[in-house]
Each structure stands twice: as structure tokens, then as C-alpha cells.
Amino acid sequence: MNSKDILKEVVLAADKKRANDIVALNVKEVSLMADYFVIMDAASNRQVKSIADEIVDAVEEKNIYIKQVEGKSTAKWILIDLGEVIVHVFQSDERAFYNLEKLWSDADSVDLSDWIEE
């Protein structure tokens, strides 16, 4: 499975749990650590954890290797490292504080409209 396929699985799982403002950045040209960063948020710690759990379940079902999951104990910011795709599930105020989109503003956004239900 290539990194774009992994990205799709992550976005579909996040959207299924109603993650807010899902953004994917193509960081291939600006970072050596991954091909894509996926950033999203939720209103509560409980929803952050639920979204992260759904993503983990979905990628495990597709036999995608999960390198690491961090932040589940506080569920303010859960990071899921899938190698080529790094997922950030934030509580809304944490996302605003860290503002990863601005930090990685040199990266192009990926059009996710085909995978997200409006």
C-alpha cells in the first residue's frame, strides 16, 4: 500500500468519527520524515480518543504497520506514526495553540473532498 492509499484510509476513518477540519499536507518536498501530515481536531478529549481509536482500527484492518501512538493518556494531542503518514488528532484549543499548518506552510495541501462527506 502506498502513502496515498494510507492517507485515504486515515481520512475516511477520521471522517467516520466526525473529526473537524481534516487537513492533509504533502510534506515530501519539505521533510524527510514523512510523505503526508494529517491534522484534525475534535471538541473533547473523549472524541479525540475515539477518532484516534477509529484510525488505528482502520489501518490495522488493512495491515498497515503502526510505528507508534503517543498522547492517548491525556488525549489533548494524539500522534499516530504510520511511517509515510503522520496523523495529528488534536483537541481544538491545542490545535490552535500549536498551529502545525502554519509551521508547515511550505507544504502543499492535499484535496480531500472526494473522501470527506459534507
PDB file of N, CA and C in Angstrom:
ATOM      1  N   MET A   1       0.853  -1.180   0.000  1.00  0.00           N
ATOM      2  CA  MET A   1       0.000   0.000   0.000  1.00  0.00           C
ATOM      3  C   MET A   1       0.896   1.240   0.000  1.00  0.00           C
ATOM      4  N   ASN A   2       0.631   2.162  -0.893  1.00  0.00           N
ATOM      5  CA  ASN A   2       1.461   3.368  -0.955  1.00  0.00           C
ATOM      6  C   ASN A   2       0.939   4.431   0.023  1.00  0.00           C
ATOM      7  N   SER A   3       1.701   5.500   0.153  1.00  0.00           N
ATOM      8  CA  SER A   3       1.368   6.522   1.148  1.00  0.00           C
ATOM      9  C   SER A   3       0.033   7.213   0.856  1.00  0.00           C
ATOM     10  N   LYS A   4      -0.332   7.369  -0.400  1.00  0.00           N
ATOM     11  CA  LYS A   4      -1.621   7.996  -0.748  1.00  0.00           C
ATOM     12  C   LYS A   4      -2.782   7.093  -0.318  1.00  0.00           C
ATOM     13  N   ASP A   5      -2.622   5.776  -0.460  1.00  0.00           N
ATOM     14  CA  ASP A   5      -3.649   4.836  -0.013  1.00  0.00           C
ATOM     15  C   ASP A   5      -3.802   4.877   1.508  1.00  0.00           C
ATOM     16  N   ILE A   6      -2.676   4.973   2.208  1.00  0.00           N
ATOM     17  CA  ILE A   6      -2.708   5.085   3.673  1.00  0.00           C
ATOM     18  C   ILE A   6      -3.408   6.371   4.073  1.00  0.00           C
ATOM     19  N   LEU A   7      -3.070   7.459   3.386  1.00  0.00           N
ATOM     20  CA  LEU A   7      -3.717   8.749   3.642  1.00  0.00           C
ATOM     21  C   LEU A   7      -5.232   8.626   3.503  1.00  0.00           C
ATOM     22  N   LYS A   8      -5.685   7.976   2.457  1.00  0.00           N
ATOM     23  CA  LYS A   8      -7.121   7.812   2.223  1.00  0.00           C
ATOM     24  C   LYS A   8      -7.770   7.049   3.378  1.00  0.00           C
ATOM     25  N   GLU A   9      -7.159   5.963   3.832  1.00  0.00           N
ATOM     26  CA  GLU A   9      -7.714   5.176   4.945  1.00  0.00           C
ATOM     27  C   GLU A   9      -7.840   6.028   6.213  1.00  0.00           C
ATOM     28  N   VAL A  10      -6.824   6.839   6.470  1.00  0.00           N
ATOM     29  CA  VAL A  10      -6.830   7.708   7.645  1.00  0.00           C
ATOM     30  C   VAL A  10      -7.960   8.730   7.555  1.00  0.00           C
ATOM     31  N   VAL A  11      -8.083   9.370   6.415  1.00  0.00           N
ATOM     32  CA  VAL A  11      -9.108  10.407   6.235  1.00  0.00           C
ATOM     33  C   VAL A  11     -10.509   9.813   6.335  1.00  0.00           C
ATOM     34  N   LEU A  12     -10.730   8.668   5.711  1.00  0.00           N
ATOM     35  CA  LEU A  12     -12.046   8.024   5.775  1.00  0.00           C
ATOM     36  C   LEU A  12     -12.413   7.657   7.216  1.00  0.00           C
ATOM     37  N   ALA A  13     -11.455   7.126   7.964  1.00  0.00           N
ATOM     38  CA  ALA A  13     -11.706   6.751   9.364  1.00  0.00           C
ATOM     39  C   ALA A  13     -11.985   7.987  10.218  1.00  0.00           C
ATOM     40  N   ALA A  14     -11.213   9.041  10.023  1.00  0.00           N
ATOM     41  CA  ALA A  14     -11.405  10.273  10.791  1.00  0.00           C
ATOM     42  C   ALA A  14     -12.757  10.899  10.483  1.00  0.00           C
ATOM     43  N   ASP A  15     -13.121  10.908   9.218  1.00  0.00           N
ATOM     44  CA  ASP A  15     -14.403  11.486   8.826  1.00  0.00           C
ATOM     45  C   ASP A  15     -15.567  10.668   9.383  1.00  0.00           C
ATOM     46  N   LYS A  16     -15.389   9.365   9.451  1.00  0.00           N
ATOM     47  CA  LYS A  16     -16.426   8.486  10.004  1.00  0.00           C
ATOM     48  C   LYS A  16     -16.758   8.866  11.450  1.00  0.00           C
ATOM     49  N   LYS A  17     -15.750   9.321  12.192  1.00  0.00           N
ATOM     50  CA  LYS A  17     -15.951   9.737  13.585  1.00  0.00           C
ATOM     51  C   LYS A  17     -16.147  11.245  13.718  1.00  0.00           C
ATOM     52  N   ARG A  18     -16.392  11.898  12.584  1.00  0.00           N
ATOM     53  CA  ARG A  18     -16.714  13.330  12.549  1.00  0.00           C
ATOM     54  C   ARG A  18     -15.599  14.245  13.071  1.00  0.00           C
ATOM     55  N   ALA A  19     -14.380  13.952  12.683  1.00  0.00           N
ATOM     56  CA  ALA A  19     -13.271  14.845  13.014  1.00  0.00           C
ATOM     57  C   ALA A  19     -13.510  16.200  12.352  1.00  0.00           C
ATOM     58  N   ASN A  20     -13.102  17.254  13.019  1.00  0.00           N
ATOM     59  CA  ASN A  20     -13.266  18.615  12.497  1.00  0.00           C
ATOM     60  C   ASN A  20     -12.088  19.001  11.614  1.00  0.00           C
ATOM     61  N   ASP A  21     -12.383  19.719  10.541  1.00  0.00           N
ATOM     62  CA  ASP A  21     -11.379  20.395   9.717  1.00  0.00           C
ATOM     63  C   ASP A  21     -10.167  19.507   9.428  1.00  0.00           C
ATOM     64  N   ILE A  22     -10.403  18.402   8.735  1.00  0.00           N
ATOM     65  CA  ILE A  22      -9.316  17.481   8.379  1.00  0.00           C
ATOM     66  C   ILE A  22      -8.490  18.116   7.269  1.00  0.00           C
ATOM     67  N   VAL A  23      -7.193  18.226   7.518  1.00  0.00           N
ATOM     68  CA  VAL A  23      -6.259  18.819   6.559  1.00  0.00           C
ATOM     69  C   VAL A  23      -5.118  17.831   6.343  1.00  0.00           C
ATOM     70  N   ALA A  24      -4.739  17.652   5.094  1.00  0.00           N
ATOM     71  CA  ALA A  24      -3.562  16.837   4.787  1.00  0.00           C
ATOM     72  C   ALA A  24      -2.551  17.717   4.068  1.00  0.00           C
ATOM     73  N   LEU A  25      -1.311  17.625   4.503  1.00  0.00           N
ATOM     74  CA  LEU A  25      -0.222  18.376   3.892  1.00  0.00           C
ATOM     75  C   LEU A  25       0.749  17.407   3.230  1.00  0.00           C
ATOM     76  N   ASN A  26       1.108  17.697   1.999  1.00  0.00           N
ATOM     77  CA  ASN A  26       2.095  16.903   1.289  1.00  0.00           C
ATOM     78  C   ASN A  26       3.466  17.446   1.677  1.00  0.00           C
ATOM     79  N   VAL A  27       4.153  16.745   2.564  1.00  0.00           N
ATOM     80  CA  VAL A  27       5.432  17.227   3.092  1.00  0.00           C
ATOM     81  C   VAL A  27       6.636  16.533   2.446  1.00  0.00           C
ATOM     82  N   LYS A  28       6.421  15.814   1.349  1.00  0.00           N
ATOM     83  CA  LYS A  28       7.511  15.088   0.679  1.00  0.00           C
ATOM     84  C   LYS A  28       8.692  15.998   0.333  1.00  0.00           C
ATOM     85  N   GLU A  29       8.378  17.197  -0.120  1.00  0.00           N
ATOM     86  CA  GLU A  29       9.425  18.114  -0.585  1.00  0.00           C
ATOM     87  C   GLU A  29      10.067  18.935   0.535  1.00  0.00           C
ATOM     88  N   VAL A  30       9.438  18.962   1.715  1.00  0.00           N
ATOM     89  CA  VAL A  30       9.941  19.820   2.790  1.00  0.00           C
ATOM     90  C   VAL A  30      10.369  19.060   4.045  1.00  0.00           C
ATOM     91  N   SER A  31      10.198  17.732   4.031  1.00  0.00           N
ATOM     92  CA  SER A  31      10.558  16.943   5.207  1.00  0.00           C
ATOM     93  C   SER A  31      11.022  15.554   4.783  1.00  0.00           C
ATOM     94  N   LEU A  32      11.976  15.040   5.500  1.00  0.00           N
ATOM     95  CA  LEU A  32      12.441  13.685   5.242  1.00  0.00           C
ATOM     96  C   LEU A  32      11.688  12.650   6.069  1.00  0.00           C
ATOM     97  N   MET A  33      10.878  13.107   7.033  1.00  0.00           N
ATOM     98  CA  MET A  33      10.263  12.164   7.969  1.00  0.00           C
ATOM     99  C   MET A  33       8.996  11.493   7.462  1.00  0.00           C
ATOM    100  N   ALA A  34       8.298  12.079   6.491  1.00  0.00           N
ATOM    101  CA  ALA A  34       7.035  11.503   6.027  1.00  0.00           C
ATOM    102  C   ALA A  34       6.664  12.073   4.667  1.00  0.00           C
ATOM    103  N   ASP A  35       5.660  11.460   4.048  1.00  0.00           N
ATOM    104  CA  ASP A  35       5.094  11.988   2.810  1.00  0.00           C
ATOM    105  C   ASP A  35       3.926  12.930   3.107  1.00  0.00           C
ATOM    106  N   TYR A  36       3.130  12.568   4.128  1.00  0.00           N
ATOM    107  CA  TYR A  36       1.949  13.355   4.460  1.00  0.00           C
ATOM    108  C   TYR A  36       1.822  13.552   5.968  1.00  0.00           C
ATOM    109  N   PHE A  37       1.351  14.741   6.341  1.00  0.00           N
ATOM    110  CA  PHE A  37       0.885  15.021   7.691  1.00  0.00           C
ATOM    111  C   PHE A  37      -0.625  15.191   7.577  1.00  0.00           C
ATOM    112  N   VAL A  38      -1.352  14.570   8.485  1.00  0.00           N
ATOM    113  CA  VAL A  38      -2.799  14.749   8.532  1.00  0.00           C
ATOM    114  C   VAL A  38      -3.109  15.399   9.872  1.00  0.00           C
ATOM    115  N   ILE A  39      -3.860  16.481   9.827  1.00  0.00           N
ATOM    116  CA  ILE A  39      -4.168  17.264  11.022  1.00  0.00           C
ATOM    117  C   ILE A  39      -5.684  17.405  11.114  1.00  0.00           C
ATOM    118  N   MET A  40      -6.199  17.195  12.321  1.00  0.00           N
ATOM    119  CA  MET A  40      -7.637  17.321  12.551  1.00  0.00           C
ATOM    120  C   MET A  40      -7.861  17.662  14.016  1.00  0.00           C
ATOM    121  N   ASP A  41      -9.093  18.002  14.360  1.00  0.00           N
ATOM    122  CA  ASP A  41      -9.376  18.276  15.763  1.00  0.00           C
ATOM    123  C   ASP A  41     -10.772  17.809  16.136  1.00  0.00           C
ATOM    124  N   ALA A  42     -11.020  17.865  17.440  1.00  0.00           N
ATOM    125  CA  ALA A  42     -12.317  17.493  17.994  1.00  0.00           C
ATOM    126  C   ALA A  42     -12.566  18.346  19.228  1.00  0.00           C
ATOM    127  N   ALA A  43     -13.821  18.411  19.648  1.00  0.00           N
ATOM    128  CA  ALA A  43     -14.207  19.302  20.735  1.00  0.00           C
ATOM    129  C   ALA A  43     -13.802  18.806  22.120  1.00  0.00           C
ATOM    130  N   SER A  44     -13.667  17.497  22.293  1.00  0.00           N
ATOM    131  CA  SER A  44     -13.383  16.966  23.624  1.00  0.00           C
ATOM    132  C   SER A  44     -12.293  15.897  23.581  1.00  0.00           C
ATOM    133  N   ASN A  45     -11.707  15.636  24.739  1.00  0.00           N
ATOM    134  CA  ASN A  45     -10.701  14.579  24.848  1.00  0.00           C
ATOM    135  C   ASN A  45     -11.297  13.224  24.464  1.00  0.00           C
ATOM    136  N   ARG A  46     -12.532  13.024  24.859  1.00  0.00           N
ATOM    137  CA  ARG A  46     -13.200  11.758  24.551  1.00  0.00           C
ATOM    138  C   ARG A  46     -13.326  11.547  23.044  1.00  0.00           C
ATOM    139  N   GLN A  47     -13.689  12.597  22.323  1.00  0.00           N
ATOM    140  CA  GLN A  47     -13.816  12.478  20.870  1.00  0.00           C
ATOM    141  C   GLN A  47     -12.443  12.331  20.223  1.00  0.00           C
ATOM    142  N   VAL A  48     -11.432  13.020  20.731  1.00  0.00           N
ATOM    143  CA  VAL A  48     -10.060  12.872  20.211  1.00  0.00           C
ATOM    144  C   VAL A  48      -9.647  11.401  20.299  1.00  0.00           C
ATOM    145  N   LYS A  49      -9.875  10.804  21.448  1.00  0.00           N
ATOM    146  CA  LYS A  49      -9.516   9.402  21.648  1.00  0.00           C
ATOM    147  C   LYS A  49     -10.320   8.487  20.725  1.00  0.00           C
ATOM    148  N   SER A  50     -11.589   8.778  20.567  1.00  0.00           N
ATOM    149  CA  SER A  50     -12.455   7.979  19.694  1.00  0.00           C
ATOM    150  C   SER A  50     -11.993   8.037  18.242  1.00  0.00           C
ATOM    151  N   ILE A  51     -11.630   9.220  17.782  1.00  0.00           N
ATOM    152  CA  ILE A  51     -11.121   9.378  16.413  1.00  0.00           C
ATOM    153  C   ILE A  51      -9.816   8.604  16.239  1.00  0.00           C
ATOM    154  N   ALA A  52      -8.908   8.762  17.184  1.00  0.00           N
ATOM    155  CA  ALA A  52      -7.623   8.057  17.105  1.00  0.00           C
ATOM    156  C   ALA A  52      -7.829   6.549  17.111  1.00  0.00           C
ATOM    157  N   ASP A  53      -8.724   6.061  17.962  1.00  0.00           N
ATOM    158  CA  ASP A  53      -9.009   4.623  18.014  1.00  0.00           C
ATOM    159  C   ASP A  53      -9.566   4.125  16.682  1.00  0.00           C
ATOM    160  N   GLU A  54     -10.437   4.901  16.072  1.00  0.00           N
ATOM    161  CA  GLU A  54     -11.018   4.519  14.775  1.00  0.00           C
ATOM    162  C   GLU A  54      -9.943   4.444  13.696  1.00  0.00           C
ATOM    163  N   ILE A  55      -9.034   5.412  13.699  1.00  0.00           N
ATOM    164  CA  ILE A  55      -7.941   5.409  12.721  1.00  0.00           C
ATOM    165  C   ILE A  55      -7.055   4.183  12.933  1.00  0.00           C
ATOM    166  N   VAL A  56      -6.681   3.921  14.170  1.00  0.00           N
ATOM    167  CA  VAL A  56      -5.839   2.758  14.478  1.00  0.00           C
ATOM    168  C   VAL A  56      -6.536   1.467  14.038  1.00  0.00           C
ATOM    169  N   ASP A  57      -7.813   1.322  14.359  1.00  0.00           N
ATOM    170  CA  ASP A  57      -8.557   0.120  13.962  1.00  0.00           C
ATOM    171  C   ASP A  57      -8.600  -0.032  12.438  1.00  0.00           C
ATOM    172  N   ALA A  58      -8.850   1.072  11.735  1.00  0.00           N
ATOM    173  CA  ALA A  58      -8.954   1.024  10.275  1.00  0.00           C
ATOM    174  C   ALA A  58      -7.641   0.629   9.614  1.00  0.00           C
ATOM    175  N   VAL A  59      -6.544   1.194  10.088  1.00  0.00           N
ATOM    176  CA  VAL A  59      -5.255   0.870   9.452  1.00  0.00           C
ATOM    177  C   VAL A  59      -4.794  -0.539   9.836  1.00  0.00           C
ATOM    178  N   GLU A  60      -5.093  -0.963  11.056  1.00  0.00           N
ATOM    179  CA  GLU A  60      -4.759  -2.342  11.440  1.00  0.00           C
ATOM    180  C   GLU A  60      -5.526  -3.345  10.585  1.00  0.00           C
ATOM    181  N   GLU A  61      -6.784  -3.020  10.290  1.00  0.00           N
ATOM    182  CA  GLU A  61      -7.607  -3.888   9.445  1.00  0.00           C
ATOM    183  C   GLU A  61      -7.002  -4.043   8.046  1.00  0.00           C
ATOM    184  N   LYS A  62      -6.318  -3.013   7.581  1.00  0.00           N
ATOM    185  CA  LYS A  62      -5.670  -3.042   6.261  1.00  0.00           C
ATOM    186  C   LYS A  62      -4.212  -3.506   6.344  1.00  0.00           C
ATOM    187  N   ASN A  63      -3.806  -3.977   7.524  1.00  0.00           N
ATOM    188  CA  ASN A  63      -2.435  -4.458   7.754  1.00  0.00           C
ATOM    189  C   ASN A  63      -1.373  -3.390   7.515  1.00  0.00           C
ATOM    190  N   ILE A  64      -1.705  -2.160   7.865  1.00  0.00           N
ATOM    191  CA  ILE A  64      -0.758  -1.054   7.789  1.00  0.00           C
ATOM    192  C   ILE A  64      -0.012  -1.000   9.118  1.00  0.00           C
ATOM    193  N   TYR A  65       1.290  -0.982   9.041  1.00  0.00           N
ATOM    194  CA  TYR A  65       2.124  -1.007  10.239  1.00  0.00           C
ATOM    195  C   TYR A  65       2.044   0.327  10.982  1.00  0.00           C
ATOM    196  N   ILE A  66       1.777   0.249  12.269  1.00  0.00           N
ATOM    197  CA  ILE A  66       1.744   1.428  13.127  1.00  0.00           C
ATOM    198  C   ILE A  66       3.048   1.460  13.903  1.00  0.00           C
ATOM    199  N   LYS A  67       3.873   2.482  13.632  1.00  0.00           N
ATOM    200  CA  LYS A  67       5.147   2.597  14.332  1.00  0.00           C
ATOM    201  C   LYS A  67       4.962   2.983  15.785  1.00  0.00           C
ATOM    202  N   GLN A  68       4.079   3.951  16.022  1.00  0.00           N
ATOM    203  CA  GLN A  68       3.915   4.450  17.384  1.00  0.00           C
ATOM    204  C   GLN A  68       2.638   5.267  17.497  1.00  0.00           C
ATOM    205  N   VAL A  69       2.044   5.226  18.693  1.00  0.00           N
ATOM    206  CA  VAL A  69       0.915   6.086  19.045  1.00  0.00           C
ATOM    207  C   VAL A  69       1.290   6.768  20.354  1.00  0.00           C
ATOM    208  N   GLU A  70       1.210   8.082  20.368  1.00  0.00           N
ATOM    209  CA  GLU A  70       1.561   8.850  21.571  1.00  0.00           C
ATOM    210  C   GLU A  70       0.432   9.792  21.947  1.00  0.00           C
ATOM    211  N   GLY A  71       0.281  10.019  23.244  1.00  0.00           N
ATOM    212  CA  GLY A  71      -0.655  11.023  23.740  1.00  0.00           C
ATOM    213  C   GLY A  71      -2.017  10.510  24.129  1.00  0.00           C
ATOM    214  N   LYS A  72      -2.237   9.204  24.107  1.00  0.00           N
ATOM    215  CA  LYS A  72      -3.566   8.678  24.424  1.00  0.00           C
ATOM    216  C   LYS A  72      -3.977   8.908  25.879  1.00  0.00           C
ATOM    217  N   SER A  73      -3.013   9.009  26.774  1.00  0.00           N
ATOM    218  CA  SER A  73      -3.364   9.161  28.192  1.00  0.00           C
ATOM    219  C   SER A  73      -4.061  10.492  28.477  1.00  0.00           C
ATOM    220  N   THR A  74      -3.634  11.566  27.825  1.00  0.00           N
ATOM    221  CA  THR A  74      -4.283  12.858  28.042  1.00  0.00           C
ATOM    222  C   THR A  74      -5.293  13.187  26.948  1.00  0.00           C
ATOM    223  N   ALA A  75      -5.087  12.634  25.750  1.00  0.00           N
ATOM    224  CA  ALA A  75      -5.981  12.832  24.599  1.00  0.00           C
ATOM    225  C   ALA A  75      -6.195  14.302  24.254  1.00  0.00           C
ATOM    226  N   LYS A  76      -5.188  15.121  24.487  1.00  0.00           N
ATOM    227  CA  LYS A  76      -5.227  16.514  24.019  1.00  0.00           C
ATOM    228  C   LYS A  76      -4.616  16.599  22.622  1.00  0.00           C
ATOM    229  N   TRP A  77      -3.621  15.762  22.377  1.00  0.00           N
ATOM    230  CA  TRP A  77      -2.961  15.674  21.079  1.00  0.00           C
ATOM    231  C   TRP A  77      -2.455  14.246  20.946  1.00  0.00           C
ATOM    232  N   ILE A  78      -3.091  13.482  20.068  1.00  0.00           N
ATOM    233  CA  ILE A  78      -2.647  12.107  19.828  1.00  0.00           C
ATOM    234  C   ILE A  78      -1.945  12.077  18.486  1.00  0.00           C
ATOM    235  N   LEU A  79      -0.740  11.546  18.505  1.00  0.00           N
ATOM    236  CA  LEU A  79       0.058  11.405  17.294  1.00  0.00           C
ATOM    237  C   LEU A  79       0.111   9.928  16.927  1.00  0.00           C
ATOM    238  N   ILE A  80      -0.221   9.628  15.680  1.00  0.00           N
ATOM    239  CA  ILE A  80      -0.164   8.266  15.166  1.00  0.00           C
ATOM    240  C   ILE A  80       0.860   8.250  14.041  1.00  0.00           C
ATOM    241  N   ASP A  81       1.951   7.526  14.241  1.00  0.00           N
ATOM    242  CA  ASP A  81       3.041   7.455  13.265  1.00  0.00           C
ATOM    243  C   ASP A  81       2.865   6.199  12.424  1.00  0.00           C
ATOM    244  N   LEU A  82       2.522   6.402  11.159  1.00  0.00           N
ATOM    245  CA  LEU A  82       2.345   5.301  10.219  1.00  0.00           C
ATOM    246  C   LEU A  82       3.490   5.256   9.213  1.00  0.00           C
ATOM    247  N   GLY A  83       4.602   5.861   9.552  1.00  0.00           N
ATOM    248  CA  GLY A  83       5.746   5.887   8.642  1.00  0.00           C
ATOM    249  C   GLY A  83       5.617   7.011   7.639  1.00  0.00           C
ATOM    250  N   GLU A  84       5.048   6.701   6.479  1.00  0.00           N
ATOM    251  CA  GLU A  84       4.907   7.716   5.425  1.00  0.00           C
ATOM    252  C   GLU A  84       3.812   8.732   5.722  1.00  0.00           C
ATOM    253  N   VAL A  85       2.925   8.396   6.652  1.00  0.00           N
ATOM    254  CA  VAL A  85       1.815   9.277   7.028  1.00  0.00           C
ATOM    255  C   VAL A  85       1.849   9.463   8.537  1.00  0.00           C
ATOM    256  N   ILE A  86       1.873  10.706   8.961  1.00  0.00           N
ATOM    257  CA  ILE A  86       1.850  11.027  10.388  1.00  0.00           C
ATOM    258  C   ILE A  86       0.555  11.771  10.679  1.00  0.00           C
ATOM    259  N   VAL A  87      -0.199  11.247  11.637  1.00  0.00           N
ATOM    260  CA  VAL A  87      -1.529  11.755  11.941  1.00  0.00           C
ATOM    261  C   VAL A  87      -1.501  12.505  13.267  1.00  0.00           C
ATOM    262  N   HIS A  88      -2.095  13.693  13.271  1.00  0.00           N
ATOM    263  CA  HIS A  88      -2.206  14.524  14.475  1.00  0.00           C
ATOM    264  C   HIS A  88      -3.689  14.736  14.762  1.00  0.00           C
ATOM    265  N   VAL A  89      -4.159  14.199  15.885  1.00  0.00           N
ATOM    266  CA  VAL A  89      -5.545  14.404  16.303  1.00  0.00           C
ATOM    267  C   VAL A  89      -5.506  15.284  17.551  1.00  0.00           C
ATOM    268  N   PHE A  90      -5.989  16.497  17.397  1.00  0.00           N
ATOM    269  CA  PHE A  90      -5.907  17.498  18.458  1.00  0.00           C
ATOM    270  C   PHE A  90      -7.259  17.743  19.112  1.00  0.00           C
ATOM    271  N   GLN A  91      -7.221  18.182  20.362  1.00  0.00           N
ATOM    272  CA  GLN A  91      -8.361  18.859  20.934  1.00  0.00           C
ATOM    273  C   GLN A  91      -8.295  20.278  20.337  1.00  0.00           C
ATOM    274  N   SER A  92      -9.426  20.889  20.075  1.00  0.00           N
ATOM    275  CA  SER A  92      -9.478  22.138  19.300  1.00  0.00           C
ATOM    276  C   SER A  92      -8.539  23.231  19.804  1.00  0.00           C
ATOM    277  N   ASP A  93      -8.498  23.482  21.099  1.00  0.00           N
ATOM    278  CA  ASP A  93      -7.638  24.557  21.610  1.00  0.00           C
ATOM    279  C   ASP A  93      -6.155  24.214  21.469  1.00  0.00           C
ATOM    280  N   GLU A  94      -5.810  22.943  21.555  1.00  0.00           N
ATOM    281  CA  GLU A  94      -4.414  22.523  21.354  1.00  0.00           C
ATOM    282  C   GLU A  94      -3.997  22.746  19.902  1.00  0.00           C
ATOM    283  N   ARG A  95      -4.891  22.438  18.986  1.00  0.00           N
ATOM    284  CA  ARG A  95      -4.584  22.645  17.564  1.00  0.00           C
ATOM    285  C   ARG A  95      -4.306  24.120  17.288  1.00  0.00           C
ATOM    286  N   ALA A  96      -5.140  24.975  17.839  1.00  0.00           N
ATOM    287  CA  ALA A  96      -4.952  26.419  17.637  1.00  0.00           C
ATOM    288  C   ALA A  96      -3.623  26.875  18.235  1.00  0.00           C
ATOM    289  N   PHE A  97      -3.262  26.334  19.381  1.00  0.00           N
ATOM    290  CA  PHE A  97      -2.019  26.733  20.049  1.00  0.00           C
ATOM    291  C   PHE A  97      -0.790  26.311  19.236  1.00  0.00           C
ATOM    292  N   TYR A  98      -0.749  25.058  18.797  1.00  0.00           N
ATOM    293  CA  TYR A  98       0.435  24.557  18.080  1.00  0.00           C
ATOM    294  C   TYR A  98       0.474  24.959  16.613  1.00  0.00           C
ATOM    295  N   ASN A  99      -0.673  25.172  16.005  1.00  0.00           N
ATOM    296  CA  ASN A  99      -0.784  25.703  14.645  1.00  0.00           C
ATOM    297  C   ASN A  99       0.189  25.042  13.661  1.00  0.00           C
ATOM    298  N   LEU A 100       0.118  23.728  13.540  1.00  0.00           N
ATOM    299  CA  LEU A 100       1.026  22.997  12.652  1.00  0.00           C
ATOM    300  C   LEU A 100       0.898  23.415  11.198  1.00  0.00           C
ATOM    301  N   GLU A 101      -0.303  23.809  10.796  1.00  0.00           N
ATOM    302  CA  GLU A 101      -0.485  24.245   9.410  1.00  0.00           C
ATOM    303  C   GLU A 101       0.427  25.430   9.083  1.00  0.00           C
ATOM    304  N   LYS A 102       0.577  26.347  10.020  1.00  0.00           N
ATOM    305  CA  LYS A 102       1.459  27.494   9.803  1.00  0.00           C
ATOM    306  C   LYS A 102       2.927  27.055   9.829  1.00  0.00           C
ATOM    307  N   LEU A 103       3.255  26.179  10.775  1.00  0.00           N
ATOM    308  CA  LEU A 103       4.622  25.678  10.883  1.00  0.00           C
ATOM    309  C   LEU A 103       5.066  24.990   9.591  1.00  0.00           C
ATOM    310  N   TRP A 104       4.165  24.260   8.961  1.00  0.00           N
ATOM    311  CA  TRP A 104       4.469  23.531   7.728  1.00  0.00           C
ATOM    312  C   TRP A 104       3.845  24.223   6.512  1.00  0.00           C
ATOM    313  N   SER A 105       3.787  25.536   6.513  1.00  0.00           N
ATOM    314  CA  SER A 105       3.120  26.284   5.444  1.00  0.00           C
ATOM    315  C   SER A 105       3.800  26.141   4.087  1.00  0.00           C
ATOM    316  N   ASP A 106       5.031  25.670   4.060  1.00  0.00           N
ATOM    317  CA  ASP A 106       5.713  25.434   2.776  1.00  0.00           C
ATOM    318  C   ASP A 106       5.169  24.198   2.063  1.00  0.00           C
ATOM    319  N   ALA A 107       4.444  23.352   2.779  1.00  0.00           N
ATOM    320  CA  ALA A 107       3.891  22.124   2.200  1.00  0.00           C
ATOM    321  C   ALA A 107       2.565  22.421   1.504  1.00  0.00           C
ATOM    322  N   ASP A 108       2.332  21.727   0.411  1.00  0.00           N
ATOM    323  CA  ASP A 108       1.078  21.877  -0.322  1.00  0.00           C
ATOM    324  C   ASP A 108      -0.043  21.116   0.378  1.00  0.00           C
ATOM    325  N   SER A 109      -1.245  21.680   0.334  1.00  0.00           N
ATOM    326  CA  SER A 109      -2.424  20.987   0.861  1.00  0.00           C
ATOM    327  C   SER A 109      -2.866  19.929  -0.140  1.00  0.00           C
ATOM    328  N   VAL A 110      -3.437  18.861   0.376  1.00  0.00           N
ATOM    329  CA  VAL A 110      -3.973  17.786  -0.457  1.00  0.00           C
ATOM    330  C   VAL A 110      -5.492  17.938  -0.496  1.00  0.00           C
ATOM    331  N   ASP A 111      -6.060  17.833  -1.681  1.00  0.00           N
ATOM    332  CA  ASP A 111      -7.517  17.915  -1.828  1.00  0.00           C
ATOM    333  C   ASP A 111      -8.150  16.622  -1.297  1.00  0.00           C
ATOM    334  N   LEU A 112      -8.926  16.742  -0.246  1.00  0.00           N
ATOM    335  CA  LEU A 112      -9.556  15.595   0.389  1.00  0.00           C
ATOM    336  C   LEU A 112     -11.054  15.516   0.102  1.00  0.00           C
ATOM    337  N   SER A 113     -11.557  16.368  -0.763  1.00  0.00           N
ATOM    338  CA  SER A 113     -13.001  16.491  -0.965  1.00  0.00           C
ATOM    339  C   SER A 113     -13.658  15.201  -1.444  1.00  0.00           C
ATOM    340  N   ASP A 114     -12.948  14.343  -2.148  1.00  0.00           N
ATOM    341  CA  ASP A 114     -13.525  13.079  -2.603  1.00  0.00           C
ATOM    342  C   ASP A 114     -13.708  12.081  -1.470  1.00  0.00           C
ATOM    343  N   TRP A 115     -13.029  12.292  -0.350  1.00  0.00           N
ATOM    344  CA  TRP A 115     -13.053  11.327   0.752  1.00  0.00           C
ATOM    345  C   TRP A 115     -13.838  11.805   1.958  1.00  0.00           C
ATOM    346  N   ILE A 116     -14.218  13.069   1.984  1.00  0.00           N
ATOM    347  CA  ILE A 116     -14.902  13.632   3.150  1.00  0.00           C
ATOM    348  C   ILE A 116     -16.344  13.937   2.786  1.00  0.00           C
ATOM    349  N   GLU A 117     -17.264  13.456   3.625  1.00  0.00           N
ATOM    350  CA  GLU A 117     -18.683  13.766   3.426  1.00  0.00           C
ATOM    351  C   GLU A 117     -18.983  15.129   4.014  1.00  0.00           C
ATOM    352  N   GLU A 118     -19.721  15.923   3.284  1.00  0.00           N
ATOM    353  CA  GLU A 118     -20.074  17.275   3.762  1.00  0.00           C
ATOM    354  C   GLU A 118     -21.351  17.241   4.547  1.00  0.00           C
TER     355      GLU A 118
END
